[in-house]
Amino acid sequence: MPATTLDPYTTLGIPASASREEAARAHRRLAKAFHPDVNPGPAAADRMRRINEAWRILSDPVRRSRYDADRSGAPWAGNGARTTTATWASWPESRRPSSPRTRRPPRPDPVDPSFGDRPAVFVTVWVVLTALFFIGTWLGSLTP
């Protein structure tokens, strides 16, 4: 959907001072009236997209406060993304993740060729040393 200027308050037909519940009621009312399944027509799908986008903006307190702050002239993209890049610092404290997301290092594959024959060599050395220990213990028990 191309970037367009969208006023969610006008789209839902509610004042800017409307509560979230009032916005939800307006969204449900318009969705029942303009849903493409109920109201077939070429413009119905586009109208429903605008209604859903307006609800998406007004239902989330962070998006709504950003929209209200930018309402004086900053354009709002049709897909709900702001035209400027938001940073973590601009997020309210309650919405920030508790820790930055980091990727775990990949687990080594048991048949990773970078290991070469090290596991096999280790097992072979262990078996030989264990055998020598038991042979030495057995030979020591034979002498009077």
N, C-alpha and C. Protein backbone atom coordinates (compact mmCIF):
# COMPACT_ATOMS: atom_id res chain seq x y z
N MET A 1 0.84 -1.16 0.00
CA MET A 1 0.00 0.00 0.00
C MET A 1 0.89 1.23 0.00
N PRO A 2 0.68 2.17 -0.88
CA PRO A 2 1.55 3.33 -0.95
C PRO A 2 1.39 4.21 0.28
N ALA A 3 2.41 4.98 0.55
CA ALA A 3 2.37 5.87 1.71
C ALA A 3 1.34 6.96 1.46
N THR A 4 0.42 7.12 2.37
CA THR A 4 -0.61 8.16 2.27
C THR A 4 -0.74 8.81 3.62
N THR A 5 -1.34 9.99 3.62
CA THR A 5 -1.62 10.65 4.89
C THR A 5 -2.93 10.09 5.41
N LEU A 6 -2.90 9.60 6.62
CA LEU A 6 -4.07 8.95 7.20
C LEU A 6 -4.38 9.62 8.52
N ASP A 7 -5.60 10.08 8.68
CA ASP A 7 -6.04 10.61 9.97
C ASP A 7 -6.98 9.57 10.58
N PRO A 8 -6.50 8.80 11.57
CA PRO A 8 -7.34 7.74 12.11
C PRO A 8 -8.60 8.25 12.79
N TYR A 9 -8.55 9.46 13.35
CA TYR A 9 -9.74 9.99 14.01
C TYR A 9 -10.84 10.27 12.99
N THR A 10 -10.46 10.86 11.85
CA THR A 10 -11.43 11.12 10.80
C THR A 10 -11.93 9.82 10.19
N THR A 11 -11.01 8.87 9.99
CA THR A 11 -11.38 7.59 9.39
C THR A 11 -12.41 6.86 10.24
N LEU A 12 -12.22 6.86 11.55
CA LEU A 12 -13.16 6.18 12.43
C LEU A 12 -14.33 7.07 12.84
N GLY A 13 -14.26 8.37 12.53
CA GLY A 13 -15.34 9.27 12.85
C GLY A 13 -15.47 9.56 14.33
N ILE A 14 -14.35 9.72 15.01
CA ILE A 14 -14.35 9.98 16.45
C ILE A 14 -13.50 11.21 16.73
N PRO A 15 -13.75 11.90 17.85
CA PRO A 15 -12.90 13.04 18.20
C PRO A 15 -11.54 12.57 18.71
N ALA A 16 -10.57 13.46 18.70
CA ALA A 16 -9.22 13.13 19.17
C ALA A 16 -9.20 12.81 20.66
N SER A 17 -10.21 13.27 21.38
CA SER A 17 -10.27 13.01 22.82
C SER A 17 -10.95 11.68 23.15
N ALA A 18 -11.34 10.91 22.12
CA ALA A 18 -12.07 9.66 22.35
C ALA A 18 -11.18 8.64 23.06
N SER A 19 -11.80 7.83 23.90
CA SER A 19 -11.05 6.80 24.62
C SER A 19 -10.80 5.60 23.70
N ARG A 20 -9.99 4.68 24.19
CA ARG A 20 -9.70 3.47 23.43
C ARG A 20 -10.98 2.66 23.20
N GLU A 21 -11.84 2.62 24.19
CA GLU A 21 -13.10 1.88 24.07
C GLU A 21 -14.01 2.50 23.01
N GLU A 22 -14.04 3.83 22.96
CA GLU A 22 -14.84 4.49 21.93
C GLU A 22 -14.28 4.20 20.54
N ALA A 23 -12.96 4.17 20.44
CA ALA A 23 -12.33 3.84 19.16
C ALA A 23 -12.64 2.41 18.77
N ALA A 24 -12.65 1.50 19.75
CA ALA A 24 -12.96 0.09 19.46
C ALA A 24 -14.40 -0.05 18.98
N ARG A 25 -15.32 0.67 19.62
CA ARG A 25 -16.72 0.61 19.18
C ARG A 25 -16.88 1.14 17.76
N ALA A 26 -16.20 2.25 17.47
CA ALA A 26 -16.28 2.82 16.12
C ALA A 26 -15.68 1.86 15.10
N HIS A 27 -14.56 1.23 15.45
CA HIS A 27 -13.94 0.26 14.53
C HIS A 27 -14.89 -0.90 14.26
N ARG A 28 -15.50 -1.46 15.29
CA ARG A 28 -16.43 -2.58 15.10
C ARG A 28 -17.63 -2.16 14.25
N ARG A 29 -18.16 -0.99 14.54
CA ARG A 29 -19.32 -0.50 13.78
C ARG A 29 -18.98 -0.35 12.30
N LEU A 30 -17.82 0.26 12.01
CA LEU A 30 -17.43 0.47 10.61
C LEU A 30 -17.05 -0.85 9.94
N ALA A 31 -16.42 -1.75 10.70
CA ALA A 31 -16.05 -3.04 10.12
C ALA A 31 -17.28 -3.83 9.72
N LYS A 32 -18.33 -3.76 10.54
CA LYS A 32 -19.58 -4.45 10.19
C LYS A 32 -20.22 -3.83 8.95
N ALA A 33 -20.09 -2.54 8.80
CA ALA A 33 -20.73 -1.86 7.67
C ALA A 33 -19.93 -1.96 6.37
N PHE A 34 -18.59 -1.93 6.47
CA PHE A 34 -17.78 -1.82 5.26
C PHE A 34 -16.91 -3.03 4.96
N HIS A 35 -17.07 -4.11 5.68
CA HIS A 35 -16.27 -5.30 5.40
C HIS A 35 -16.57 -5.78 3.99
N PRO A 36 -15.55 -6.18 3.21
CA PRO A 36 -15.78 -6.60 1.82
C PRO A 36 -16.73 -7.79 1.69
N ASP A 37 -16.83 -8.63 2.71
CA ASP A 37 -17.78 -9.75 2.63
C ASP A 37 -19.22 -9.26 2.72
N VAL A 38 -19.44 -8.18 3.44
CA VAL A 38 -20.79 -7.65 3.63
C VAL A 38 -21.11 -6.61 2.56
N ASN A 39 -20.12 -5.81 2.23
CA ASN A 39 -20.31 -4.69 1.32
C ASN A 39 -19.40 -4.89 0.10
N PRO A 40 -19.78 -5.73 -0.85
CA PRO A 40 -18.91 -5.98 -2.00
C PRO A 40 -18.80 -4.73 -2.87
N GLY A 41 -17.65 -4.58 -3.42
CA GLY A 41 -17.42 -3.43 -4.28
C GLY A 41 -15.93 -3.17 -4.38
N PRO A 42 -15.51 -2.46 -5.41
CA PRO A 42 -14.07 -2.25 -5.60
C PRO A 42 -13.44 -1.39 -4.51
N ALA A 43 -14.18 -0.48 -3.92
CA ALA A 43 -13.61 0.40 -2.90
C ALA A 43 -13.71 -0.17 -1.50
N ALA A 44 -14.44 -1.27 -1.33
CA ALA A 44 -14.66 -1.81 0.01
C ALA A 44 -13.37 -2.30 0.65
N ALA A 45 -12.54 -2.98 -0.13
CA ALA A 45 -11.29 -3.51 0.44
C ALA A 45 -10.38 -2.38 0.88
N ASP A 46 -10.27 -1.33 0.05
CA ASP A 46 -9.41 -0.21 0.41
C ASP A 46 -9.97 0.52 1.63
N ARG A 47 -11.26 0.69 1.69
CA ARG A 47 -11.88 1.35 2.85
C ARG A 47 -11.64 0.54 4.12
N MET A 48 -11.76 -0.78 4.01
CA MET A 48 -11.53 -1.63 5.19
C MET A 48 -10.08 -1.59 5.63
N ARG A 49 -9.15 -1.51 4.67
CA ARG A 49 -7.73 -1.38 5.03
C ARG A 49 -7.49 -0.10 5.82
N ARG A 50 -8.09 1.00 5.37
CA ARG A 50 -7.93 2.27 6.09
C ARG A 50 -8.54 2.21 7.48
N ILE A 51 -9.70 1.56 7.60
CA ILE A 51 -10.36 1.43 8.90
C ILE A 51 -9.48 0.60 9.84
N ASN A 52 -8.94 -0.51 9.35
CA ASN A 52 -8.07 -1.35 10.18
C ASN A 52 -6.79 -0.63 10.56
N GLU A 53 -6.22 0.14 9.64
CA GLU A 53 -5.00 0.88 9.93
C GLU A 53 -5.26 1.95 10.99
N ALA A 54 -6.40 2.62 10.87
CA ALA A 54 -6.75 3.63 11.88
C ALA A 54 -6.89 2.97 13.25
N TRP A 55 -7.52 1.81 13.31
CA TRP A 55 -7.67 1.09 14.57
C TRP A 55 -6.32 0.65 15.10
N ARG A 56 -5.44 0.20 14.21
CA ARG A 56 -4.10 -0.24 14.64
C ARG A 56 -3.34 0.92 15.29
N ILE A 57 -3.48 2.10 14.75
CA ILE A 57 -2.80 3.27 15.32
C ILE A 57 -3.42 3.66 16.66
N LEU A 58 -4.74 3.70 16.71
CA LEU A 58 -5.39 4.19 17.93
C LEU A 58 -5.50 3.15 19.04
N SER A 59 -5.37 1.87 18.72
CA SER A 59 -5.50 0.85 19.75
C SER A 59 -4.24 0.70 20.59
N ASP A 60 -3.10 1.06 20.04
CA ASP A 60 -1.83 0.93 20.76
C ASP A 60 -1.47 2.30 21.35
N PRO A 61 -1.33 2.38 22.68
CA PRO A 61 -1.04 3.69 23.30
C PRO A 61 0.24 4.34 22.77
N VAL A 62 1.26 3.54 22.46
CA VAL A 62 2.51 4.11 21.97
C VAL A 62 2.32 4.69 20.57
N ARG A 63 1.69 3.91 19.69
CA ARG A 63 1.45 4.42 18.34
C ARG A 63 0.55 5.67 18.38
N ARG A 64 -0.45 5.62 19.24
CA ARG A 64 -1.38 6.76 19.33
C ARG A 64 -0.65 8.00 19.81
N SER A 65 0.19 7.86 20.84
CA SER A 65 0.90 9.03 21.35
C SER A 65 1.89 9.55 20.31
N ARG A 66 2.53 8.64 19.56
CA ARG A 66 3.44 9.09 18.50
C ARG A 66 2.66 9.81 17.40
N TYR A 67 1.51 9.26 17.04
CA TYR A 67 0.70 9.91 16.01
C TYR A 67 0.26 11.29 16.49
N ASP A 68 -0.22 11.37 17.72
CA ASP A 68 -0.68 12.65 18.26
C ASP A 68 0.47 13.66 18.30
N ALA A 69 1.68 13.19 18.62
CA ALA A 69 2.83 14.09 18.67
C ALA A 69 3.21 14.55 17.26
N ASP A 70 3.09 13.68 16.29
CA ASP A 70 3.45 14.01 14.91
C ASP A 70 2.30 14.62 14.12
N ARG A 71 1.15 14.72 14.72
CA ARG A 71 -0.06 15.13 14.01
C ARG A 71 0.04 16.53 13.42
N SER A 72 0.93 17.32 13.95
CA SER A 72 1.03 18.70 13.49
C SER A 72 1.57 18.82 12.07
N GLY A 73 2.08 17.73 11.48
CA GLY A 73 2.53 17.88 10.09
C GLY A 73 3.35 16.72 9.58
N ALA A 74 3.86 15.86 10.43
CA ALA A 74 4.65 14.74 9.93
C ALA A 74 3.73 13.73 9.28
N PRO A 75 4.03 13.31 8.05
CA PRO A 75 3.15 12.34 7.38
C PRO A 75 3.25 10.97 8.03
N TRP A 76 2.18 10.26 7.97
CA TRP A 76 2.11 8.90 8.51
C TRP A 76 2.01 7.95 7.34
N ALA A 77 2.89 6.96 7.29
CA ALA A 77 2.87 6.03 6.17
C ALA A 77 1.61 5.18 6.23
N GLY A 78 1.12 4.78 5.10
CA GLY A 78 -0.11 4.00 5.03
C GLY A 78 -0.01 2.66 5.72
N ASN A 79 1.20 2.11 5.88
CA ASN A 79 1.33 0.81 6.53
C ASN A 79 1.53 0.94 8.03
N GLY A 80 1.45 2.15 8.57
CA GLY A 80 1.56 2.34 10.00
C GLY A 80 2.96 2.69 10.46
N ALA A 81 3.93 2.64 9.56
CA ALA A 81 5.29 2.96 9.94
C ALA A 81 5.49 4.46 9.88
N ARG A 82 6.24 4.99 10.83
CA ARG A 82 6.55 6.41 10.78
C ARG A 82 7.57 6.64 9.69
N THR A 83 7.59 7.86 9.18
CA THR A 83 8.55 8.18 8.14
C THR A 83 9.93 8.44 8.73
N THR A 84 10.03 8.63 10.04
CA THR A 84 11.31 8.77 10.70
C THR A 84 11.58 7.51 11.50
N THR A 85 12.85 7.25 11.75
CA THR A 85 13.22 6.04 12.47
C THR A 85 13.18 6.28 13.97
N ALA A 86 12.47 5.42 14.67
CA ALA A 86 12.39 5.53 16.13
C ALA A 86 13.57 4.79 16.75
N THR A 87 14.02 5.27 17.89
CA THR A 87 15.09 4.61 18.61
C THR A 87 14.55 4.06 19.91
N TRP A 88 15.33 3.17 20.55
CA TRP A 88 14.90 2.62 21.83
C TRP A 88 14.66 3.72 22.84
N ALA A 89 15.42 4.79 22.76
CA ALA A 89 15.28 5.88 23.73
C ALA A 89 13.92 6.55 23.62
N SER A 90 13.30 6.49 22.43
CA SER A 90 11.99 7.13 22.28
C SER A 90 10.85 6.25 22.78
N TRP A 91 11.13 4.99 23.12
CA TRP A 91 10.08 4.10 23.62
C TRP A 91 9.82 4.39 25.08
N PRO A 92 8.58 4.30 25.51
CA PRO A 92 8.31 4.44 26.94
C PRO A 92 8.97 3.30 27.72
N GLU A 93 9.33 3.59 28.94
CA GLU A 93 10.04 2.61 29.77
C GLU A 93 9.26 1.30 29.89
N SER A 94 7.94 1.37 29.95
CA SER A 94 7.13 0.17 30.13
C SER A 94 7.12 -0.73 28.90
N ARG A 95 7.45 -0.21 27.72
CA ARG A 95 7.40 -0.99 26.50
C ARG A 95 8.76 -1.50 26.06
N ARG A 96 9.84 -1.08 26.73
CA ARG A 96 11.17 -1.52 26.33
C ARG A 96 11.41 -2.95 26.78
N PRO A 97 12.15 -3.71 26.00
CA PRO A 97 12.51 -5.06 26.45
C PRO A 97 13.44 -4.97 27.65
N SER A 98 13.36 -5.98 28.51
CA SER A 98 14.17 -5.95 29.74
C SER A 98 15.65 -6.08 29.44
N SER A 99 16.01 -6.77 28.38
CA SER A 99 17.41 -6.88 28.00
C SER A 99 17.48 -6.86 26.49
N PRO A 100 18.60 -6.39 25.95
CA PRO A 100 18.70 -6.37 24.49
C PRO A 100 18.70 -7.79 23.95
N ARG A 101 18.07 -7.95 22.83
CA ARG A 101 18.01 -9.28 22.23
C ARG A 101 19.34 -9.61 21.58
N THR A 102 19.87 -10.72 21.99
CA THR A 102 21.13 -11.17 21.40
C THR A 102 20.93 -12.57 20.85
N ARG A 103 21.65 -12.85 19.82
CA ARG A 103 21.57 -14.18 19.24
C ARG A 103 22.53 -15.10 19.96
N ARG A 104 22.07 -16.30 20.23
CA ARG A 104 22.95 -17.29 20.84
C ARG A 104 23.93 -17.79 19.79
N PRO A 105 25.16 -18.10 20.23
CA PRO A 105 26.09 -18.66 19.25
C PRO A 105 25.60 -20.05 18.83
N PRO A 106 25.83 -20.42 17.60
CA PRO A 106 25.34 -21.72 17.16
C PRO A 106 26.05 -22.85 17.89
N ARG A 107 25.30 -23.89 18.15
CA ARG A 107 25.89 -25.07 18.78
C ARG A 107 26.77 -25.78 17.78
N PRO A 108 27.91 -26.33 18.24
CA PRO A 108 28.76 -27.05 17.29
C PRO A 108 28.06 -28.32 16.83
N ASP A 109 28.17 -28.57 15.56
CA ASP A 109 27.61 -29.78 14.99
C ASP A 109 28.50 -30.96 15.39
N PRO A 110 27.90 -32.08 15.86
CA PRO A 110 28.74 -33.19 16.29
C PRO A 110 29.61 -33.77 15.17
N VAL A 111 29.21 -33.59 13.95
CA VAL A 111 30.03 -34.09 12.84
C VAL A 111 30.66 -32.93 12.08
N ASP A 112 30.93 -31.84 12.80
CA ASP A 112 31.53 -30.68 12.19
C ASP A 112 32.94 -31.04 11.72
N PRO A 113 33.27 -30.79 10.47
CA PRO A 113 34.59 -31.17 9.98
C PRO A 113 35.72 -30.40 10.64
N SER A 114 35.43 -29.26 11.31
CA SER A 114 36.50 -28.52 11.96
C SER A 114 37.05 -29.29 13.17
N PHE A 115 36.29 -30.24 13.70
CA PHE A 115 36.79 -31.04 14.79
C PHE A 115 37.76 -32.12 14.29
N GLY A 116 37.69 -32.44 13.05
CA GLY A 116 38.56 -33.47 12.48
C GLY A 116 38.34 -34.80 13.17
N ASP A 117 39.43 -35.50 13.45
CA ASP A 117 39.35 -36.81 14.10
C ASP A 117 39.65 -36.71 15.59
N ARG A 118 39.57 -35.55 16.18
CA ARG A 118 39.89 -35.39 17.59
C ARG A 118 39.08 -36.29 18.50
N PRO A 119 37.77 -36.43 18.36
CA PRO A 119 37.06 -37.33 19.25
C PRO A 119 37.52 -38.78 19.11
N ALA A 120 37.77 -39.21 17.89
CA ALA A 120 38.22 -40.58 17.69
C ALA A 120 39.61 -40.79 18.30
N VAL A 121 40.49 -39.83 18.18
CA VAL A 121 41.83 -39.93 18.77
C VAL A 121 41.73 -39.98 20.28
N PHE A 122 40.88 -39.15 20.87
CA PHE A 122 40.71 -39.14 22.30
C PHE A 122 40.23 -40.50 22.81
N VAL A 123 39.24 -41.06 22.15
CA VAL A 123 38.71 -42.36 22.57
C VAL A 123 39.79 -43.42 22.43
N THR A 124 40.52 -43.40 21.36
CA THR A 124 41.58 -44.40 21.16
C THR A 124 42.64 -44.30 22.25
N VAL A 125 43.09 -43.09 22.56
CA VAL A 125 44.11 -42.92 23.61
C VAL A 125 43.56 -43.37 24.95
N TRP A 126 42.30 -43.05 25.25
CA TRP A 126 41.70 -43.47 26.50
C TRP A 126 41.62 -44.99 26.61
N VAL A 127 41.24 -45.65 25.54
CA VAL A 127 41.14 -47.11 25.56
C VAL A 127 42.52 -47.73 25.76
N VAL A 128 43.53 -47.21 25.08
CA VAL A 128 44.89 -47.77 25.21
C VAL A 128 45.42 -47.56 26.62
N LEU A 129 45.26 -46.38 27.19
CA LEU A 129 45.76 -46.13 28.54
C LEU A 129 45.03 -46.97 29.57
N THR A 130 43.73 -47.13 29.42
CA THR A 130 42.97 -47.96 30.35
C THR A 130 43.42 -49.40 30.26
N ALA A 131 43.65 -49.88 29.04
CA ALA A 131 44.11 -51.26 28.86
C ALA A 131 45.49 -51.44 29.49
N LEU A 132 46.40 -50.50 29.31
CA LEU A 132 47.73 -50.59 29.90
C LEU A 132 47.65 -50.58 31.43
N PHE A 133 46.76 -49.79 32.00
CA PHE A 133 46.59 -49.77 33.44
C PHE A 133 46.15 -51.13 33.96
N PHE A 134 45.14 -51.71 33.32
CA PHE A 134 44.66 -53.01 33.79
C PHE A 134 45.68 -54.12 33.55
N ILE A 135 46.40 -54.03 32.45
CA ILE A 135 47.46 -55.04 32.21
C ILE A 135 48.55 -54.91 33.27
N GLY A 136 48.94 -53.66 33.57
CA GLY A 136 49.96 -53.45 34.61
C GLY A 136 49.49 -53.93 35.96
N THR A 137 48.23 -53.70 36.28
CA THR A 137 47.68 -54.15 37.54
C THR A 137 47.66 -55.68 37.58
N TRP A 138 47.30 -56.30 36.49
CA TRP A 138 47.25 -57.77 36.42
C TRP A 138 48.65 -58.36 36.52
N LEU A 139 49.64 -57.76 35.83
CA LEU A 139 51.02 -58.26 35.90
C LEU A 139 51.58 -58.08 37.31
N GLY A 140 51.22 -56.97 37.96
CA GLY A 140 51.71 -56.75 39.33
C GLY A 140 51.16 -57.76 40.31
N SER A 141 49.99 -58.27 40.03
CA SER A 141 49.40 -59.25 40.94
C SER A 141 50.00 -60.64 40.73
N LEU A 142 50.69 -60.88 39.62
CA LEU A 142 51.28 -62.19 39.34
C LEU A 142 52.61 -62.40 40.03
N THR A 143 53.35 -61.36 40.33
CA THR A 143 54.67 -61.53 40.97
C THR A 143 54.51 -61.84 42.44
N PRO A 144 55.32 -62.81 42.96
CA PRO A 144 55.19 -63.20 44.37
C PRO A 144 55.76 -62.21 45.35
